[in-house]
C-alpha atoms as a PDB file:
ATOM      1  CA  MET A   1       2.859 -18.688  84.910  1.00  0.00           C
ATOM      2  CA  ARG A   2       3.343 -18.518  81.083  1.00  0.00           C
ATOM      3  CA  LYS A   3       1.140 -15.405  80.916  1.00  0.00           C
ATOM      4  CA  ILE A   4       3.501 -13.700  83.345  1.00  0.00           C
ATOM      5  CA  TYR A   5       6.532 -14.463  81.031  1.00  0.00           C
ATOM      6  CA  VAL A   6       4.611 -13.125  77.973  1.00  0.00           C
ATOM      7  CA  VAL A   7       3.650  -9.826  79.891  1.00  0.00           C
ATOM      8  CA  LEU A   8       7.247  -9.350  81.131  1.00  0.00           C
ATOM      9  CA  ALA A   9       8.536  -9.967  77.622  1.00  0.00           C
ATOM     10  CA  LEU A  10       6.139  -7.304  76.303  1.00  0.00           C
ATOM     11  CA  ILE A  11       7.044  -4.801  78.860  1.00  0.00           C
ATOM     12  CA  LEU A  12      10.813  -5.328  78.200  1.00  0.00           C
ATOM     13  CA  PHE A  13      10.269  -5.019  74.421  1.00  0.00           C
ATOM     14  CA  CYS A  14       8.255  -1.844  74.762  1.00  0.00           C
ATOM     15  CA  GLY A  15      11.037  -0.446  77.086  1.00  0.00           C
ATOM     16  CA  ILE A  16      13.682  -1.111  74.426  1.00  0.00           C
ATOM     17  CA  THR A  17      11.705   0.263  71.627  1.00  0.00           C
ATOM     18  CA  GLN A  18      10.882   3.478  73.467  1.00  0.00           C
ATOM     19  CA  ALA A  19      14.556   4.009  74.378  1.00  0.00           C
ATOM     20  CA  ALA A  20      15.795   4.322  70.720  1.00  0.00           C
ATOM     21  CA  LYS A  21      14.558   7.218  68.562  1.00  0.00           C
ATOM     22  CA  LYS A  22      14.888   7.709  64.825  1.00  0.00           C
ATOM     23  CA  PHE A  23      15.493  11.167  63.366  1.00  0.00           C
ATOM     24  CA  PRO A  24      15.268  11.741  59.577  1.00  0.00           C
ATOM     25  CA  LEU A  25      18.188  13.285  57.607  1.00  0.00           C
ATOM     26  CA  THR A  26      17.304  15.952  55.177  1.00  0.00           C
ATOM     27  CA  ALA A  27      19.213  15.959  51.979  1.00  0.00           C
ATOM     28  CA  SER A  28      20.429  19.196  50.206  1.00  0.00           C
ATOM     29  CA  SER A  29      19.816  19.814  46.515  1.00  0.00           C
ATOM     30  CA  SER A  30      23.448  18.697  45.742  1.00  0.00           C
ATOM     31  CA  VAL A  31      22.496  15.068  46.588  1.00  0.00           C
ATOM     32  CA  PRO A  32      18.735  14.855  45.806  1.00  0.00           C
ATOM     33  CA  ALA A  33      18.617  11.052  45.708  1.00  0.00           C
ATOM     34  CA  ALA A  34      20.242  10.677  49.216  1.00  0.00           C
ATOM     35  CA  ARG A  35      18.175   9.616  52.040  1.00  0.00           C
ATOM     36  CA  GLY A  36      18.918   8.507  55.651  1.00  0.00           C
ATOM     37  CA  HIS A  37      18.197   8.556  59.286  1.00  0.00           C
ATOM     38  CA  VAL A  38      19.918   8.902  62.670  1.00  0.00           C
ATOM     39  CA  ASP A  39      19.183   6.299  65.288  1.00  0.00           C
ATOM     40  CA  VAL A  40      19.814   7.617  68.899  1.00  0.00           C
ATOM     41  CA  GLU A  41      19.795   5.603  72.031  1.00  0.00           C
ATOM     42  CA  LYS A  42      20.951   6.233  75.552  1.00  0.00           C
ATOM     43  CA  ASP A  43      23.716   3.951  76.844  1.00  0.00           C
ATOM     44  CA  LYS A  44      24.255   2.775  80.433  1.00  0.00           C
ATOM     45  CA  ASN A  45      26.228   5.820  81.308  1.00  0.00           C
ATOM     46  CA  GLY A  46      23.543   8.322  79.998  1.00  0.00           C
ATOM     47  CA  ASN A  47      25.432   9.191  76.946  1.00  0.00           C
ATOM     48  CA  LEU A  48      23.945   8.984  73.433  1.00  0.00           C
ATOM     49  CA  GLN A  49      24.952   6.256  71.005  1.00  0.00           C
ATOM     50  CA  VAL A  50      24.497   7.813  67.570  1.00  0.00           C
ATOM     51  CA  ASN A  51      24.159   5.701  64.386  1.00  0.00           C
ATOM     52  CA  VAL A  52      23.975   7.490  61.100  1.00  0.00           C
ATOM     53  CA  HIS A  53      22.621   5.379  58.060  1.00  0.00           C
ATOM     54  CA  VAL A  54      22.598   6.864  54.485  1.00  0.00           C
ATOM     55  CA  GLU A  55      21.615   5.451  51.091  1.00  0.00           C
ATOM     56  CA  HIS A  56      22.117   6.689  47.543  1.00  0.00           C
ATOM     57  CA  LEU A  57      24.827   9.178  48.717  1.00  0.00           C
ATOM     58  CA  ALA A  58      26.979  10.331  45.746  1.00  0.00           C
ATOM     59  CA  ASN A  59      30.695   9.708  45.783  1.00  0.00           C
ATOM     60  CA  PRO A  60      32.249  12.941  47.344  1.00  0.00           C
ATOM     61  CA  GLN A  61      34.260  13.395  44.130  1.00  0.00           C
ATOM     62  CA  ASN A  62      31.022  13.995  42.232  1.00  0.00           C
ATOM     63  CA  LEU A  63      30.036  16.917  44.324  1.00  0.00           C
ATOM     64  CA  THR A  64      30.418  20.493  43.010  1.00  0.00           C
ATOM     65  CA  PRO A  65      32.894  21.501  44.167  1.00  0.00           C
ATOM     66  CA  ALA A  66      34.495  17.956  44.384  1.00  0.00           C
ATOM     67  CA  ALA A  67      35.517  16.699  47.821  1.00  0.00           C
ATOM     68  CA  SER A  68      37.563  13.797  48.944  1.00  0.00           C
ATOM     69  CA  SER A  69      35.521  12.739  51.871  1.00  0.00           C
ATOM     70  CA  TYR A  70      32.336  13.273  53.952  1.00  0.00           C
ATOM     71  CA  VAL A  71      32.706  14.511  57.487  1.00  0.00           C
ATOM     72  CA  VAL A  72      30.157  14.172  60.152  1.00  0.00           C
ATOM     73  CA  TRP A  73      29.729  17.219  62.465  1.00  0.00           C
ATOM     74  CA  VAL A  74      27.777  17.929  65.614  1.00  0.00           C
ATOM     75  CA  GLN A  75      26.847  21.377  66.924  1.00  0.00           C
ATOM     76  CA  ASP A  76      24.941  22.078  70.136  1.00  0.00           C
ATOM     77  CA  ARG A  77      22.705  25.139  70.185  1.00  0.00           C
ATOM     78  CA  THR A  78      25.281  27.507  71.442  1.00  0.00           C
ATOM     79  CA  GLY A  79      28.737  26.264  70.298  1.00  0.00           C
ATOM     80  CA  SER A  80      30.808  25.801  67.178  1.00  0.00           C
ATOM     81  CA  ALA A  81      30.653  22.682  65.016  1.00  0.00           C
ATOM     82  CA  GLU A  82      32.753  19.674  66.185  1.00  0.00           C
ATOM     83  CA  ASN A  83      34.318  17.251  63.647  1.00  0.00           C
ATOM     84  CA  LYS A  84      33.277  13.731  64.708  1.00  0.00           C
ATOM     85  CA  GLY A  85      34.986  11.879  61.914  1.00  0.00           C
ATOM     86  CA  GLN A  86      34.760  10.601  58.298  1.00  0.00           C
ATOM     87  CA  MET A  87      31.893   8.768  56.899  1.00  0.00           C
ATOM     88  CA  LYS A  88      32.805   6.406  54.112  1.00  0.00           C
ATOM     89  CA  VAL A  89      30.632   5.531  51.222  1.00  0.00           C
ATOM     90  CA  ASP A  90      30.779   1.942  49.806  1.00  0.00           C
ATOM     91  CA  LYS A  91      30.444   0.876  46.241  1.00  0.00           C
ATOM     92  CA  ASP A  92      26.545   0.699  46.669  1.00  0.00           C
ATOM     93  CA  LEU A  93      26.554   4.429  47.737  1.00  0.00           C
ATOM     94  CA  ASN A  94      25.634   3.592  51.345  1.00  0.00           C
ATOM     95  CA  GLY A  95      27.225   5.240  54.208  1.00  0.00           C
ATOM     96  CA  LYS A  96      27.292   4.459  58.007  1.00  0.00           C
ATOM     97  CA  PHE A  97      28.895   6.264  60.897  1.00  0.00           C
ATOM     98  CA  GLU A  98      28.689   5.577  64.634  1.00  0.00           C
ATOM     99  CA  MET A  99      29.697   7.927  67.580  1.00  0.00           C
ATOM    100  CA  THR A 100      28.917   8.585  71.181  1.00  0.00           C
ATOM    101  CA  THR A 101      28.179  11.969  72.749  1.00  0.00           C
ATOM    102  CA  SER A 102      27.072  13.441  76.014  1.00  0.00           C
ATOM    103  CA  MET A 103      25.114  16.059  74.257  1.00  0.00           C
ATOM    104  CA  LYS A 104      21.250  15.719  74.524  1.00  0.00           C
ATOM    105  CA  SER A 105      20.217  18.354  71.908  1.00  0.00           C
ATOM    106  CA  PHE A 106      22.217  19.143  68.764  1.00  0.00           C
ATOM    107  CA  ASP A 107      22.408  19.385  65.099  1.00  0.00           C
ATOM    108  CA  LEU A 108      24.121  16.665  63.175  1.00  0.00           C
ATOM    109  CA  PHE A 109      25.237  17.425  59.619  1.00  0.00           C
ATOM    110  CA  VAL A 110      27.432  16.043  56.926  1.00  0.00           C
ATOM    111  CA  THR A 111      29.737  18.042  54.555  1.00  0.00           C
ATOM    112  CA  GLY A 112      31.851  17.147  51.627  1.00  0.00           C
ATOM    113  CA  GLU A 113      35.385  18.138  52.447  1.00  0.00           C
ATOM    114  CA  LYS A 114      38.801  18.107  50.715  1.00  0.00           C
ATOM    115  CA  ASP A 115      40.365  17.047  54.048  1.00  0.00           C
ATOM    116  CA  PHE A 116      38.582  14.961  56.595  1.00  0.00           C
ATOM    117  CA  ASN A 117      40.855  16.410  59.491  1.00  0.00           C
ATOM    118  CA  ILE A 118      39.474  19.855  58.985  1.00  0.00           C
ATOM    119  CA  LYS A 119      38.623  21.681  62.219  1.00  0.00           C
ATOM    120  CA  ALA A 120      35.674  23.750  60.947  1.00  0.00           C
ATOM    121  CA  PRO A 121      33.147  22.907  58.136  1.00  0.00           C
ATOM    122  CA  ASN A 122      34.275  24.390  54.843  1.00  0.00           C
ATOM    123  CA  GLY A 123      32.545  22.207  52.222  1.00  0.00           C
ATOM    124  CA  ALA A 124      29.034  21.790  50.952  1.00  0.00           C
ATOM    125  CA  GLU A 125      26.554  20.527  53.421  1.00  0.00           C
ATOM    126  CA  VAL A 126      24.804  17.535  52.110  1.00  0.00           C
ATOM    127  CA  LEU A 127      22.709  16.116  55.015  1.00  0.00           C
ATOM    128  CA  ARG A 128      21.204  17.491  58.292  1.00  0.00           C
ATOM    129  CA  ALA A 129      19.168  16.328  61.243  1.00  0.00           C
ATOM    130  CA  SER A 130      18.156  17.978  64.492  1.00  0.00           C
ATOM    131  CA  ILE A 131      18.552  15.672  67.477  1.00  0.00           C
ATOM    132  CA  GLN A 132      16.446  16.229  70.621  1.00  0.00           C
ATOM    133  CA  GLN A 133      16.668  13.585  73.288  1.00  0.00           C
ATOM    134  CA  GLU A 134      15.213  13.924  76.799  1.00  0.00           C
END
């Protein structure tokens, strides 16, 4: 009986680990020390839960040109970029951002902007990832 529980636990664990995917973020030359990734997982409704994790990201005021905030954008292959919100950077230069989307294939990118409510990207792009989920 114990073997059955072990096998079931392994099957459950493998199913959970296969459901989540990790996509690397590529940093631009304006933030060469920055690194990060995007974790993507399907929720119970079939949408994607997207979690952005960044380390060593410069304060937006240190960009050239200077910005006041970082904005996370998503863009499907045929549409225009959509502002998903502001990503804050803590005192240790780490950033996190969470969102949900119904898109399955899209580009996610981060720009430094003077206004986080901007409707279209205008500032320097600092990070980018291409997301492809079945």
